Amino acid sequence: MEINPDKTLFSYCDIESAQELSLLKKTNFIEAIKKITKNFLLINQNH
């Protein structure tokens, strides 16, 4: 079996990203960012 370093690294990055995304979901970080962005856009529309 031949190991492709690029593919291996890419797969590892995918796993790492998935773990980070899972952690962000658990901490409701994504929802918090959505709320902040929404409020920011509303404030900017009023000015």
Protein backbone atom coordinates (compact mmCIF):
# COMPACT_ATOMS: atom_id res chain seq x y z
CA MET A 1 0.00 0.00 0.00
CA GLU A 2 1.33 3.40 -0.99
CA ILE A 3 0.89 6.30 1.45
CA ASN A 4 0.07 9.66 -0.06
CA PRO A 5 1.34 12.34 2.40
CA ASP A 6 -0.95 15.03 0.97
CA LYS A 7 -4.05 12.90 1.36
CA THR A 8 -3.03 11.78 4.85
CA LEU A 9 -2.49 15.36 5.97
CA PHE A 10 -5.76 16.44 4.36
CA SER A 11 -7.64 13.65 6.15
CA TYR A 12 -6.03 14.59 9.45
CA CYS A 13 -7.04 18.23 8.93
CA ASP A 14 -10.61 17.14 8.19
CA ILE A 15 -10.73 15.18 11.44
CA GLU A 16 -9.23 18.07 13.39
CA SER A 17 -11.73 20.53 11.85
CA ALA A 18 -14.63 18.21 12.64
CA GLN A 19 -13.50 17.97 16.26
CA GLU A 20 -13.20 21.75 16.52
CA LEU A 21 -16.63 22.24 14.95
CA SER A 22 -18.10 19.72 17.39
CA LEU A 23 -16.52 21.58 20.31
CA LEU A 24 -17.84 24.91 19.03
CA LYS A 25 -21.35 23.46 18.75
CA LYS A 26 -21.13 22.13 22.31
CA THR A 27 -20.18 25.55 23.64
CA ASN A 28 -22.87 27.30 21.56
CA PHE A 29 -20.08 29.46 20.16
CA ILE A 30 -21.58 29.39 16.68
CA GLU A 31 -24.99 30.55 17.96
CA ALA A 32 -23.33 33.35 19.92
CA ILE A 33 -21.49 34.55 16.80
CA LYS A 34 -24.74 34.46 14.80
CA LYS A 35 -26.47 36.62 17.43
CA ILE A 36 -23.58 39.09 17.58
CA THR A 37 -23.50 39.34 13.78
CA LYS A 38 -27.27 39.84 13.61
CA ASN A 39 -27.17 42.58 16.25
CA PHE A 40 -24.22 44.24 14.53
CA LEU A 41 -26.08 44.28 11.20
CA LEU A 42 -29.22 45.69 12.84
CA ILE A 43 -27.23 48.46 14.53
CA ASN A 44 -25.52 49.36 11.24
CA GLN A 45 -28.84 49.47 9.37
CA ASN A 46 -30.22 52.02 11.81
CA HIS A 47 -27.31 54.44 11.26
